[in-house]
Amino acid sequence: MSPRDRIPEITHLQFLVLSLLRDGLRSGRDIRAELVRYGVRRTSPAFYQMMARLEDAGFVQGWYDQKVLEGQLIKERHYRLCPSGLKAWTETRNFYMAALGDLKVARGHGNA
């Protein structure tokens, strides 16, 4: 079985999050705002559980940073993409691009 035949290990939502992190580090708040732009709404606990799973898998690195917002000290979670996360993203993208190519060929819309 070639890598192209293996179903990706990450979900479509995890793929989207890793995509957002490809441009550099982001806060959890910023990632959640971007997800809303794509129509994805998750509660804070559900979002941070997913991020913890990505951290446990070694795909992202997360840490807390303190800042003052409207006169109050808050802790904000930040994330960056790890090399293994980029690899998972790339493998997933390649899988779907190959599947799309196969679908076009099967429908007679292009060459492989």
C-alpha atoms as a PDB file:
ATOM      1  CA  MET A   1       0.000   0.000   0.000  1.00  0.00           C
ATOM      2  CA  SER A   2       1.487   3.353  -0.999  1.00  0.00           C
ATOM      3  CA  PRO A   3       1.246   6.464   1.232  1.00  0.00           C
ATOM      4  CA  ARG A   4      -1.269   7.778  -1.282  1.00  0.00           C
ATOM      5  CA  ASP A   5      -3.599   4.870  -0.429  1.00  0.00           C
ATOM      6  CA  ARG A   6      -3.555   5.418   3.350  1.00  0.00           C
ATOM      7  CA  ILE A   7      -6.382   7.428   4.844  1.00  0.00           C
ATOM      8  CA  PRO A   8      -4.989  10.511   6.649  1.00  0.00           C
ATOM      9  CA  GLU A   9      -4.465  10.306  10.397  1.00  0.00           C
ATOM     10  CA  ILE A  10      -5.915  13.764  11.030  1.00  0.00           C
ATOM     11  CA  THR A  11      -9.493  14.984  10.736  1.00  0.00           C
ATOM     12  CA  HIS A  12     -10.605  17.709   8.358  1.00  0.00           C
ATOM     13  CA  LEU A  13     -10.841  20.125  11.289  1.00  0.00           C
ATOM     14  CA  GLN A  14      -7.321  19.289  12.468  1.00  0.00           C
ATOM     15  CA  PHE A  15      -6.129  19.764   8.871  1.00  0.00           C
ATOM     16  CA  LEU A  16      -7.685  23.240   8.855  1.00  0.00           C
ATOM     17  CA  VAL A  17      -6.033  24.158  12.176  1.00  0.00           C
ATOM     18  CA  LEU A  18      -2.637  22.946  10.954  1.00  0.00           C
ATOM     19  CA  SER A  19      -3.199  24.972   7.779  1.00  0.00           C
ATOM     20  CA  LEU A  20      -3.769  28.090   9.855  1.00  0.00           C
ATOM     21  CA  LEU A  21      -0.542  27.475  11.757  1.00  0.00           C
ATOM     22  CA  ARG A  22       1.570  27.097   8.611  1.00  0.00           C
ATOM     23  CA  ASP A  23       1.959  30.896   8.498  1.00  0.00           C
ATOM     24  CA  GLY A  24       3.449  31.076  11.984  1.00  0.00           C
ATOM     25  CA  LEU A  25       2.438  31.118  15.604  1.00  0.00           C
ATOM     26  CA  ARG A  26      -1.114  32.075  16.541  1.00  0.00           C
ATOM     27  CA  SER A  27      -3.103  32.488  19.709  1.00  0.00           C
ATOM     28  CA  GLY A  28      -5.921  30.095  20.468  1.00  0.00           C
ATOM     29  CA  ARG A  29      -8.302  33.045  20.307  1.00  0.00           C
ATOM     30  CA  ASP A  30      -7.096  33.923  16.784  1.00  0.00           C
ATOM     31  CA  ILE A  31      -7.390  30.308  15.608  1.00  0.00           C
ATOM     32  CA  ARG A  32     -10.944  30.104  16.945  1.00  0.00           C
ATOM     33  CA  ALA A  33     -11.852  33.354  15.159  1.00  0.00           C
ATOM     34  CA  GLU A  34     -10.480  31.978  11.883  1.00  0.00           C
ATOM     35  CA  LEU A  35     -12.419  28.746  12.337  1.00  0.00           C
ATOM     36  CA  VAL A  36     -15.626  30.775  12.705  1.00  0.00           C
ATOM     37  CA  ARG A  37     -14.854  32.376   9.321  1.00  0.00           C
ATOM     38  CA  TYR A  38     -14.969  28.836   7.893  1.00  0.00           C
ATOM     39  CA  GLY A  39     -18.270  28.127   9.630  1.00  0.00           C
ATOM     40  CA  VAL A  40     -16.729  26.019  12.397  1.00  0.00           C
ATOM     41  CA  ARG A  41     -18.105  26.797  15.830  1.00  0.00           C
ATOM     42  CA  ARG A  42     -16.792  24.910  18.840  1.00  0.00           C
ATOM     43  CA  THR A  43     -17.093  25.631  22.517  1.00  0.00           C
ATOM     44  CA  SER A  44     -13.886  26.732  24.215  1.00  0.00           C
ATOM     45  CA  PRO A  45     -13.527  23.384  26.008  1.00  0.00           C
ATOM     46  CA  ALA A  46     -14.030  21.413  22.763  1.00  0.00           C
ATOM     47  CA  PHE A  47     -11.537  23.612  20.907  1.00  0.00           C
ATOM     48  CA  TYR A  48      -8.857  23.369  23.591  1.00  0.00           C
ATOM     49  CA  GLN A  49      -9.386  19.588  23.903  1.00  0.00           C
ATOM     50  CA  MET A  50      -8.715  19.295  20.171  1.00  0.00           C
ATOM     51  CA  MET A  51      -5.619  21.470  20.517  1.00  0.00           C
ATOM     52  CA  ALA A  52      -4.432  19.299  23.436  1.00  0.00           C
ATOM     53  CA  ARG A  53      -4.801  16.221  21.206  1.00  0.00           C
ATOM     54  CA  LEU A  54      -2.712  17.944  18.514  1.00  0.00           C
ATOM     55  CA  GLU A  55      -0.103  18.753  21.174  1.00  0.00           C
ATOM     56  CA  ASP A  56      -0.129  15.167  22.499  1.00  0.00           C
ATOM     57  CA  ALA A  57       0.403  13.909  18.945  1.00  0.00           C
ATOM     58  CA  GLY A  58       3.409  16.239  18.618  1.00  0.00           C
ATOM     59  CA  PHE A  59       1.836  18.197  15.750  1.00  0.00           C
ATOM     60  CA  VAL A  60       1.725  21.555  17.555  1.00  0.00           C
ATOM     61  CA  GLN A  61       3.495  23.147  20.476  1.00  0.00           C
ATOM     62  CA  GLY A  62       1.456  25.273  22.859  1.00  0.00           C
ATOM     63  CA  TRP A  63       2.345  27.605  25.707  1.00  0.00           C
ATOM     64  CA  TYR A  64       0.796  30.328  27.829  1.00  0.00           C
ATOM     65  CA  ASP A  65       1.721  33.976  27.553  1.00  0.00           C
ATOM     66  CA  GLN A  66       0.554  36.656  29.949  1.00  0.00           C
ATOM     67  CA  LYS A  67      -0.655  40.045  28.790  1.00  0.00           C
ATOM     68  CA  VAL A  68      -2.734  42.930  30.049  1.00  0.00           C
ATOM     69  CA  LEU A  69      -6.103  43.337  28.350  1.00  0.00           C
ATOM     70  CA  GLU A  70      -8.391  46.173  29.414  1.00  0.00           C
ATOM     71  CA  GLY A  71      -6.446  46.566  32.627  1.00  0.00           C
ATOM     72  CA  GLN A  72      -6.592  42.886  33.563  1.00  0.00           C
ATOM     73  CA  LEU A  73      -3.797  40.355  33.450  1.00  0.00           C
ATOM     74  CA  ILE A  74      -4.809  37.384  31.316  1.00  0.00           C
ATOM     75  CA  LYS A  75      -3.095  34.191  30.221  1.00  0.00           C
ATOM     76  CA  GLU A  76      -3.401  33.456  26.542  1.00  0.00           C
ATOM     77  CA  ARG A  77      -2.549  30.160  24.873  1.00  0.00           C
ATOM     78  CA  HIS A  78      -0.324  30.319  21.782  1.00  0.00           C
ATOM     79  CA  TYR A  79       0.488  27.590  19.279  1.00  0.00           C
ATOM     80  CA  ARG A  80       3.075  26.848  16.632  1.00  0.00           C
ATOM     81  CA  LEU A  81       3.286  24.084  14.067  1.00  0.00           C
ATOM     82  CA  CYS A  82       5.876  21.369  14.738  1.00  0.00           C
ATOM     83  CA  PRO A  83       7.750  19.527  11.950  1.00  0.00           C
ATOM     84  CA  SER A  84       5.590  16.431  12.510  1.00  0.00           C
ATOM     85  CA  GLY A  85       2.475  18.599  12.166  1.00  0.00           C
ATOM     86  CA  LEU A  86       3.728  19.948   8.852  1.00  0.00           C
ATOM     87  CA  LYS A  87       4.405  16.378   7.743  1.00  0.00           C
ATOM     88  CA  ALA A  88       0.869  15.294   8.719  1.00  0.00           C
ATOM     89  CA  TRP A  89      -0.567  18.329   6.899  1.00  0.00           C
ATOM     90  CA  THR A  90       1.494  17.591   3.762  1.00  0.00           C
ATOM     91  CA  GLU A  91       0.565  13.898   3.731  1.00  0.00           C
ATOM     92  CA  THR A  92      -3.112  14.769   4.129  1.00  0.00           C
ATOM     93  CA  ARG A  93      -2.987  17.383   1.370  1.00  0.00           C
ATOM     94  CA  ASN A  94      -1.208  14.926  -0.939  1.00  0.00           C
ATOM     95  CA  PHE A  95      -3.783  12.219  -0.201  1.00  0.00           C
ATOM     96  CA  TYR A  96      -6.703  14.463  -1.132  1.00  0.00           C
ATOM     97  CA  MET A  97      -4.956  15.946  -4.166  1.00  0.00           C
ATOM     98  CA  ALA A  98      -4.244  12.421  -5.456  1.00  0.00           C
ATOM     99  CA  ALA A  99      -7.833  11.380  -4.754  1.00  0.00           C
ATOM    100  CA  LEU A 100      -9.099  14.445  -6.598  1.00  0.00           C
ATOM    101  CA  GLY A 101      -6.854  13.598  -9.556  1.00  0.00           C
ATOM    102  CA  ASP A 102      -8.109  10.012  -9.560  1.00  0.00           C
ATOM    103  CA  LEU A 103     -11.698  11.250  -9.454  1.00  0.00           C
ATOM    104  CA  LYS A 104     -11.127  13.571 -12.419  1.00  0.00           C
ATOM    105  CA  VAL A 105      -9.554  10.744 -14.434  1.00  0.00           C
ATOM    106  CA  ALA A 106     -12.406   8.369 -13.526  1.00  0.00           C
ATOM    107  CA  ARG A 107     -14.917  10.970 -14.706  1.00  0.00           C
ATOM    108  CA  GLY A 108     -12.918  11.655 -17.865  1.00  0.00           C
ATOM    109  CA  HIS A 109     -12.045  15.267 -16.917  1.00  0.00           C
ATOM    110  CA  GLY A 110      -8.288  15.181 -17.028  1.00  0.00           C
ATOM    111  CA  ASN A 111      -5.057  13.311 -17.037  1.00  0.00           C
ATOM    112  CA  ALA A 112      -3.382  11.725 -14.040  1.00  0.00           C
END
